[in-house]
């Protein structure tokens, strides 16, 4: 199943998962608290954030290109024939 948030770059995804696993293993048997949870959020944001941002920009560009094409058609329809 492909989710919208799935990463295209598998190496980035693997590196992020490896870093999260390492951080959890560092905690050992200690309770997993807010600081450790924040570490994981920071890892995800720093490793995956740029790719998510860039993917979003690409999708917005495609959407704007389609809207612009639709607008061109609408304007052509309004053109007065001579």
N, C-alpha and C. Protein backbone atom coordinates (compact mmCIF):
# COMPACT_ATOMS: atom_id res chain seq x y z
N UNK A 1 0.85 -1.18 0.00
CA UNK A 1 0.00 0.00 0.00
C UNK A 1 0.89 1.24 0.00
N UNK A 2 0.64 2.15 -0.91
CA UNK A 2 1.43 3.38 -0.99
C UNK A 2 0.66 4.49 -0.27
N UNK A 3 1.34 5.11 0.68
CA UNK A 3 0.73 6.22 1.42
C UNK A 3 1.31 7.52 0.88
N UNK A 4 0.56 8.62 1.06
CA UNK A 4 1.02 9.92 0.57
C UNK A 4 2.35 10.31 1.16
N UNK A 5 2.62 9.88 2.37
CA UNK A 5 3.85 10.30 3.04
C UNK A 5 5.01 9.33 2.81
N UNK A 6 4.82 8.30 2.01
CA UNK A 6 5.91 7.38 1.71
C UNK A 6 7.03 8.13 1.00
N UNK A 7 8.25 7.79 1.35
CA UNK A 7 9.41 8.47 0.79
C UNK A 7 9.82 7.81 -0.51
N UNK A 8 10.25 8.61 -1.45
CA UNK A 8 10.75 8.10 -2.71
C UNK A 8 12.19 7.64 -2.58
N UNK A 9 12.91 8.27 -1.68
CA UNK A 9 14.32 7.95 -1.49
C UNK A 9 14.44 6.93 -0.35
N UNK A 10 14.60 5.69 -0.73
CA UNK A 10 14.65 4.61 0.26
C UNK A 10 15.85 4.73 1.20
N UNK A 11 16.98 5.26 0.71
CA UNK A 11 18.16 5.41 1.55
C UNK A 11 17.90 6.42 2.67
N UNK A 12 17.23 7.51 2.37
CA UNK A 12 16.89 8.51 3.40
C UNK A 12 15.98 7.86 4.43
N UNK A 13 15.01 7.10 3.96
CA UNK A 13 14.08 6.42 4.86
C UNK A 13 14.82 5.43 5.76
N UNK A 14 15.71 4.62 5.17
CA UNK A 14 16.48 3.65 5.97
C UNK A 14 17.35 4.35 7.00
N UNK A 15 18.02 5.44 6.60
CA UNK A 15 18.86 6.17 7.54
C UNK A 15 18.06 6.73 8.70
N UNK A 16 16.88 7.25 8.40
CA UNK A 16 16.01 7.79 9.45
C UNK A 16 15.58 6.68 10.41
N UNK A 17 15.16 5.56 9.87
CA UNK A 17 14.75 4.43 10.71
C UNK A 17 15.90 3.91 11.56
N UNK A 18 17.08 3.81 10.97
CA UNK A 18 18.26 3.36 11.73
C UNK A 18 18.57 4.30 12.88
N UNK A 19 18.46 5.60 12.62
CA UNK A 19 18.76 6.57 13.68
C UNK A 19 17.72 6.52 14.80
N UNK A 20 16.47 6.33 14.44
CA UNK A 20 15.41 6.21 15.46
C UNK A 20 15.63 4.96 16.30
N UNK A 21 15.94 3.85 15.65
CA UNK A 21 16.18 2.59 16.38
C UNK A 21 17.37 2.76 17.32
N UNK A 22 18.43 3.38 16.84
CA UNK A 22 19.61 3.59 17.69
C UNK A 22 19.25 4.45 18.90
N UNK A 23 18.46 5.48 18.69
CA UNK A 23 18.07 6.37 19.79
C UNK A 23 17.24 5.63 20.83
N UNK A 24 16.34 4.76 20.38
CA UNK A 24 15.51 3.99 21.30
C UNK A 24 16.38 2.99 22.07
N UNK A 25 17.32 2.34 21.36
CA UNK A 25 18.20 1.38 22.02
C UNK A 25 19.09 2.06 23.05
N UNK A 26 19.47 3.32 22.82
CA UNK A 26 20.27 4.07 23.80
C UNK A 26 19.52 4.23 25.11
N UNK A 27 18.20 4.27 25.04
CA UNK A 27 17.38 4.45 26.23
C UNK A 27 17.40 3.20 27.12
N UNK A 28 17.74 2.06 26.53
CA UNK A 28 17.80 0.82 27.30
C UNK A 28 16.45 0.47 27.88
N UNK A 29 16.44 0.11 29.14
CA UNK A 29 15.20 -0.26 29.81
C UNK A 29 14.50 0.95 30.43
N UNK A 30 15.08 2.11 30.30
CA UNK A 30 14.48 3.31 30.89
C UNK A 30 13.16 3.62 30.21
N UNK A 31 12.30 4.26 30.95
CA UNK A 31 11.01 4.66 30.39
C UNK A 31 11.25 5.65 29.25
N UNK A 32 10.46 5.52 28.25
CA UNK A 32 10.60 6.39 27.09
C UNK A 32 9.81 7.66 27.37
N UNK A 33 10.52 8.76 27.62
CA UNK A 33 9.86 10.00 28.03
C UNK A 33 9.78 11.04 26.94
N UNK A 34 9.40 12.23 27.36
CA UNK A 34 9.19 13.34 26.44
C UNK A 34 10.47 13.74 25.70
N UNK A 35 11.59 13.73 26.39
CA UNK A 35 12.85 14.15 25.75
C UNK A 35 13.21 13.17 24.64
N UNK A 36 13.10 11.87 24.92
CA UNK A 36 13.39 10.87 23.90
C UNK A 36 12.40 10.98 22.74
N UNK A 37 11.14 11.19 23.06
CA UNK A 37 10.12 11.34 22.02
C UNK A 37 10.43 12.57 21.16
N UNK A 38 10.86 13.66 21.81
CA UNK A 38 11.20 14.87 21.05
C UNK A 38 12.40 14.61 20.15
N UNK A 39 13.36 13.81 20.63
CA UNK A 39 14.50 13.44 19.80
C UNK A 39 14.03 12.76 18.51
N UNK A 40 13.07 11.87 18.63
CA UNK A 40 12.56 11.15 17.47
C UNK A 40 11.85 12.11 16.52
N UNK A 41 11.05 13.01 17.07
CA UNK A 41 10.38 14.01 16.22
C UNK A 41 11.42 14.85 15.49
N UNK A 42 12.49 15.25 16.20
CA UNK A 42 13.55 16.04 15.58
C UNK A 42 14.25 15.26 14.46
N UNK A 43 14.50 13.98 14.69
CA UNK A 43 15.13 13.13 13.66
C UNK A 43 14.25 13.09 12.42
N UNK A 44 12.98 12.82 12.62
CA UNK A 44 12.06 12.71 11.48
C UNK A 44 11.99 14.05 10.74
N UNK A 45 11.86 15.13 11.49
CA UNK A 45 11.74 16.44 10.85
C UNK A 45 13.00 16.80 10.08
N UNK A 46 14.17 16.54 10.66
CA UNK A 46 15.41 16.93 9.99
C UNK A 46 15.75 16.03 8.81
N UNK A 47 15.43 14.75 8.91
CA UNK A 47 15.79 13.82 7.84
C UNK A 47 14.75 13.77 6.72
N UNK A 48 13.48 13.79 7.10
CA UNK A 48 12.42 13.62 6.10
C UNK A 48 11.76 14.93 5.70
N UNK A 49 11.86 15.93 6.56
CA UNK A 49 11.21 17.22 6.30
C UNK A 49 11.56 17.82 4.95
N UNK A 50 12.85 17.92 4.61
CA UNK A 50 13.19 18.52 3.32
C UNK A 50 12.60 17.77 2.12
N UNK A 51 12.59 16.45 2.19
CA UNK A 51 12.04 15.68 1.08
C UNK A 51 10.52 15.86 0.99
N UNK A 52 9.86 15.87 2.14
CA UNK A 52 8.41 16.09 2.16
C UNK A 52 8.10 17.47 1.59
N UNK A 53 8.89 18.48 2.00
CA UNK A 53 8.71 19.84 1.50
C UNK A 53 8.88 19.88 -0.01
N UNK A 54 9.96 19.30 -0.52
CA UNK A 54 10.22 19.32 -1.95
C UNK A 54 9.15 18.57 -2.74
N UNK A 55 8.68 17.44 -2.20
CA UNK A 55 7.60 16.71 -2.87
C UNK A 55 6.33 17.55 -2.93
N UNK A 56 6.07 18.29 -1.87
CA UNK A 56 4.89 19.16 -1.83
C UNK A 56 5.01 20.27 -2.87
N UNK A 57 6.20 20.86 -2.97
CA UNK A 57 6.42 21.90 -3.98
C UNK A 57 6.16 21.34 -5.38
N UNK A 58 6.65 20.13 -5.65
CA UNK A 58 6.42 19.50 -6.96
C UNK A 58 4.93 19.31 -7.24
N UNK A 59 4.18 18.87 -6.23
CA UNK A 59 2.74 18.67 -6.42
C UNK A 59 2.03 19.99 -6.66
N UNK A 60 2.42 21.03 -5.93
CA UNK A 60 1.81 22.35 -6.11
C UNK A 60 2.11 22.88 -7.51
N UNK A 61 3.35 22.68 -7.99
CA UNK A 61 3.70 23.12 -9.34
C UNK A 61 2.81 22.43 -10.38
N UNK A 62 2.60 21.13 -10.23
CA UNK A 62 1.74 20.40 -11.17
C UNK A 62 0.31 20.94 -11.13
N UNK A 63 -0.18 21.19 -9.92
CA UNK A 63 -1.54 21.70 -9.76
C UNK A 63 -1.67 23.08 -10.42
N UNK A 64 -0.67 23.95 -10.22
CA UNK A 64 -0.71 25.29 -10.81
C UNK A 64 -0.61 25.23 -12.33
N UNK A 65 0.21 24.32 -12.85
CA UNK A 65 0.30 24.16 -14.30
C UNK A 65 -1.04 23.76 -14.89
N UNK A 66 -1.75 22.85 -14.22
CA UNK A 66 -3.06 22.42 -14.70
C UNK A 66 -4.05 23.58 -14.63
N UNK A 67 -4.04 24.31 -13.53
CA UNK A 67 -4.95 25.45 -13.39
C UNK A 67 -4.67 26.51 -14.45
N UNK A 68 -3.39 26.76 -14.72
CA UNK A 68 -3.02 27.74 -15.74
C UNK A 68 -3.50 27.29 -17.12
N UNK A 69 -3.36 26.01 -17.42
CA UNK A 69 -3.84 25.49 -18.70
C UNK A 69 -5.35 25.65 -18.80
N UNK A 70 -6.06 25.37 -17.70
CA UNK A 70 -7.53 25.55 -17.70
C UNK A 70 -7.88 27.02 -17.91
N UNK A 71 -7.14 27.91 -17.29
CA UNK A 71 -7.39 29.34 -17.44
C UNK A 71 -7.15 29.80 -18.88
N UNK A 72 -6.12 29.28 -19.51
CA UNK A 72 -5.85 29.61 -20.92
C UNK A 72 -7.02 29.19 -21.80
N UNK A 73 -7.57 28.01 -21.54
CA UNK A 73 -8.73 27.54 -22.31
C UNK A 73 -9.91 28.47 -22.07
N UNK A 74 -10.16 28.83 -20.83
CA UNK A 74 -11.27 29.73 -20.51
C UNK A 74 -11.11 31.07 -21.23
N UNK A 75 -9.89 31.61 -21.25
CA UNK A 75 -9.63 32.88 -21.91
C UNK A 75 -9.81 32.76 -23.42
N UNK A 76 -9.40 31.65 -23.99
CA UNK A 76 -9.58 31.44 -25.42
C UNK A 76 -11.06 31.38 -25.79
N UNK A 77 -11.87 30.80 -24.93
CA UNK A 77 -13.31 30.72 -25.16
C UNK A 77 -13.90 32.13 -25.16
N UNK A 78 -13.37 33.02 -24.34
CA UNK A 78 -13.90 34.38 -24.24
C UNK A 78 -13.45 35.26 -25.40
N UNK A 79 -12.45 34.83 -26.15
CA UNK A 79 -11.89 35.64 -27.25
C UNK A 79 -13.01 35.92 -28.28
N UNK A 80 -13.05 37.14 -28.71
CA UNK A 80 -14.04 37.56 -29.72
C UNK A 80 -13.52 37.13 -31.08
N UNK A 81 -14.35 36.42 -31.78
CA UNK A 81 -13.97 35.99 -33.13
C UNK A 81 -14.19 37.13 -34.11
N UNK A 82 -13.23 37.32 -34.99
CA UNK A 82 -13.40 38.40 -35.98
C UNK A 82 -13.42 37.86 -37.38
